[in-house]
Each structure stands twice: as C-alpha cells, then as structure tokens.
Amino acid sequence: MAKPSNNNERNLFRDIDLQIMLCNEKIKNHRRSIDKIKKMCGWNGPSGVGGIDYSKESSPSTHISFLEGLELIQHDEANIRTLTEERKELRRSKRRVEKIYSSLTGYEEKIYYNRVILKETQQRTAEKIGLSVRQEQRIEGDMKDRGLI
C-alpha cells in the first residue's frame, strides 16, 4: 500500500502499528496482573480446587481477601475490554486509510500520501510533487469536501 520509507520519517502506518503493539502489551500486563492476583488470593487452578472460603480475610499466607481480589480482577478485565476496543478501532482506521489511498491516483494520491500518511506540511508536500502551495490546497480542499481526508 504505502510506499517504503526510511526509518527517520514519520509514517501514519508505523504510528498505528506502534499503538496496536502498545495495546497488546498493556493487555498482556493486565492478564499477568489477573494471574498474580489469583495467586495472592489463594485461588488455585482446576487441579488444586478444593473449595474457596469466601469469608476468608487477609492472612499471612493469603495476601488479598476474596472481595479485594475480585474487585482488582474486575478492574483489570474492564481495562482489557477498553484496550481491545481501542485496538479494533486502530485496525479499522488503518484499513480505512489503506482503502482510501489505494483508490486515489495522480496528484490526489501524492497529496494524500504526503499529508495523511507521512504527516507533512502543505508547503513540503507542494515542493515534493511540483505544485504551488495554492494548487496543493485546492486539491486537498476538494478531497476534504469528498470526505477523503
């Protein structure tokens, strides 16, 4: 889709991919937190389940009470749901940009690539593609009117 770029220039796709990667890491951390909370509450997996004492308060062997653990897990699960939705929205945005970019040709394609994907100024974009700033602004304005930008 997007043209290859050197590592120093800004790129919308690279930014979105980085945000998706950060969401994935945060989700992993929340899942680890849930596992840690379960261990601290004394909740064992399927092989070790003999029963849970719901009235149990914190003790030296159990660092968190059942209720505290449940609240912490619910908080982590809410964060996971939020991050999952954020990740979906980032992926939708990336697909939308790719779809618009692939449908354009000529100056519109070049302007879209430089302004939206590379996040360059109108001045720099006009210089790169050989237009005046005013010509670039007219084409970009028309693209905005059509909902492409």
Protein backbone atom coordinates (compact mmCIF):
# COMPACT_ATOMS: atom_id res chain seq x y z
CA MET A 1 0.00 0.00 0.00
CA ALA A 2 2.19 2.83 1.26
CA LYS A 3 5.49 3.41 -0.37
CA PRO A 4 8.56 2.28 1.55
CA SER A 5 10.03 5.00 3.67
CA ASN A 6 13.27 5.48 5.50
CA ASN A 7 13.28 4.90 9.24
CA ASN A 8 13.61 8.58 10.16
CA GLU A 9 10.41 9.91 8.61
CA ARG A 10 7.07 9.89 10.34
CA ASN A 11 4.54 7.46 8.98
CA LEU A 12 0.89 7.02 9.95
CA PHE A 13 1.06 3.25 9.47
CA ARG A 14 4.10 2.96 11.72
CA ASP A 15 2.37 5.10 14.36
CA ILE A 16 -0.78 2.96 14.24
CA ASP A 17 1.24 -0.27 14.39
CA LEU A 18 3.12 1.09 17.41
CA GLN A 19 -0.15 1.97 19.16
CA ILE A 20 -1.52 -1.51 18.43
CA MET A 21 1.66 -3.06 19.82
CA LEU A 22 1.34 -0.93 22.98
CA CYS A 23 -2.29 -2.04 23.40
CA ASN A 24 -1.19 -5.67 23.07
CA GLU A 25 1.49 -5.19 25.74
CA LYS A 26 -0.95 -3.49 28.11
CA ILE A 27 -3.44 -6.34 27.62
CA LYS A 28 -0.69 -8.88 28.40
CA ASN A 29 0.23 -6.94 31.54
CA HIS A 30 -3.38 -6.88 32.74
CA ARG A 31 -3.66 -10.63 32.16
CA ARG A 32 -0.46 -11.18 34.14
CA SER A 33 -1.90 -8.97 36.87
CA ILE A 34 -5.03 -11.14 37.00
CA ASP A 35 -2.91 -14.29 37.35
CA LYS A 36 -0.86 -12.66 40.10
CA ILE A 37 -4.00 -11.55 41.95
CA LYS A 38 -5.39 -15.08 41.80
CA LYS A 39 -2.19 -16.43 43.34
CA MET A 40 -2.19 -13.76 46.04
CA CYS A 41 -5.81 -14.59 46.90
CA GLY A 42 -5.05 -18.27 47.16
CA TRP A 43 -7.24 -19.19 44.18
CA ASN A 44 -5.85 -22.34 42.63
CA GLY A 45 -6.36 -23.65 39.15
CA PRO A 46 -8.59 -26.60 38.22
CA SER A 47 -6.17 -29.21 39.59
CA GLY A 48 -6.00 -27.63 43.02
CA VAL A 49 -9.57 -26.53 43.58
CA GLY A 50 -10.87 -27.92 46.80
CA GLY A 51 -13.12 -25.02 47.62
CA ILE A 52 -12.83 -21.31 48.26
CA ASP A 53 -13.64 -19.76 51.60
CA TYR A 54 -15.47 -16.58 50.57
CA SER A 55 -15.45 -15.20 54.08
CA LYS A 56 -11.69 -15.50 54.35
CA GLU A 57 -9.90 -12.31 55.31
CA SER A 58 -6.29 -11.48 54.56
CA SER A 59 -3.80 -13.65 56.38
CA PRO A 60 -0.05 -14.20 56.15
CA SER A 61 -0.44 -16.95 53.54
CA THR A 62 -3.18 -15.13 51.62
CA HIS A 63 -2.23 -11.56 50.90
CA ILE A 64 -5.55 -10.38 49.46
CA SER A 65 -9.09 -11.17 50.59
CA PHE A 66 -11.55 -12.70 48.15
CA LEU A 67 -13.53 -9.47 47.74
CA GLU A 68 -10.42 -7.35 47.16
CA GLY A 69 -9.14 -9.84 44.62
CA LEU A 70 -12.48 -9.90 42.82
CA GLU A 71 -12.55 -6.09 42.61
CA LEU A 72 -8.98 -5.94 41.30
CA ILE A 73 -9.72 -8.61 38.68
CA GLN A 74 -12.87 -6.79 37.55
CA HIS A 75 -10.84 -3.60 37.18
CA ASP A 76 -8.21 -5.41 35.06
CA GLU A 77 -10.89 -7.06 32.93
CA ALA A 78 -12.53 -3.66 32.29
CA ASN A 79 -9.15 -2.30 31.19
CA ILE A 80 -8.69 -5.29 28.87
CA ARG A 81 -12.09 -4.65 27.27
CA THR A 82 -11.26 -0.96 26.76
CA LEU A 83 -7.87 -1.75 25.24
CA THR A 84 -9.39 -4.40 22.97
CA GLU A 85 -11.89 -1.85 21.62
CA GLU A 86 -9.10 0.70 21.16
CA ARG A 87 -7.07 -1.88 19.23
CA LYS A 88 -10.07 -2.70 16.99
CA GLU A 89 -10.58 0.99 16.25
CA LEU A 90 -6.91 1.43 15.37
CA ARG A 91 -7.09 -1.51 12.95
CA ARG A 92 -10.27 -0.07 11.37
CA SER A 93 -8.55 3.30 10.93
CA LYS A 94 -5.56 1.69 9.28
CA ARG A 95 -7.76 -0.28 6.86
CA ARG A 96 -9.74 2.86 6.03
CA VAL A 97 -6.58 4.84 5.24
CA GLU A 98 -5.24 1.96 3.11
CA LYS A 99 -8.54 1.70 1.23
CA ILE A 100 -8.71 5.44 0.50
CA TYR A 101 -5.06 5.57 -0.53
CA SER A 102 -5.40 2.62 -2.92
CA SER A 103 -8.42 4.26 -4.61
CA LEU A 104 -6.61 7.51 -5.46
CA THR A 105 -4.47 8.36 -8.47
CA GLY A 106 -2.35 11.26 -9.70
CA TYR A 107 -1.89 14.33 -7.57
CA GLU A 108 -4.58 13.23 -5.11
CA GLU A 109 -2.62 10.06 -4.36
CA LYS A 110 0.61 12.01 -3.84
CA ILE A 111 -1.07 14.63 -1.66
CA TYR A 112 -2.84 12.00 0.44
CA TYR A 113 0.37 10.05 0.90
CA ASN A 114 2.40 13.10 1.94
CA ARG A 115 -0.24 14.89 4.02
CA VAL A 116 -2.04 11.99 5.71
CA ILE A 117 0.40 9.10 5.78
CA LEU A 118 3.69 11.00 6.15
CA LYS A 119 2.06 13.91 8.03
CA GLU A 120 3.97 16.56 6.12
CA THR A 121 3.09 20.23 5.78
CA GLN A 122 1.32 21.67 2.76
CA GLN A 123 4.48 23.57 1.84
CA ARG A 124 6.67 20.46 1.92
CA THR A 125 4.07 18.41 0.03
CA ALA A 126 3.75 21.03 -2.70
CA GLU A 127 7.54 21.21 -3.09
CA LYS A 128 7.87 17.42 -3.32
CA ILE A 129 5.25 16.94 -6.03
CA GLY A 130 5.96 20.12 -8.00
CA LEU A 131 2.85 22.20 -7.30
CA SER A 132 2.35 25.61 -5.80
CA VAL A 133 1.03 25.68 -2.26
CA ARG A 134 -2.24 27.16 -3.52
CA GLN A 135 -2.70 24.32 -6.05
CA GLU A 136 -1.99 21.78 -3.32
CA GLN A 137 -4.54 23.50 -1.06
CA ARG A 138 -7.23 23.40 -3.77
CA ILE A 139 -6.74 19.69 -4.42
CA GLU A 140 -6.64 18.94 -0.69
CA GLY A 141 -9.76 21.05 -0.11
CA ASP A 142 -11.61 19.12 -2.81
CA MET A 143 -10.53 15.86 -1.16
CA LYS A 144 -11.80 17.13 2.21
CA ASP A 145 -15.14 18.06 0.63
CA ARG A 146 -15.45 14.48 -0.65
CA GLY A 147 -14.60 13.07 2.81
CA LEU A 148 -11.27 11.55 1.83
CA ILE A 149 -9.25 13.46 4.41
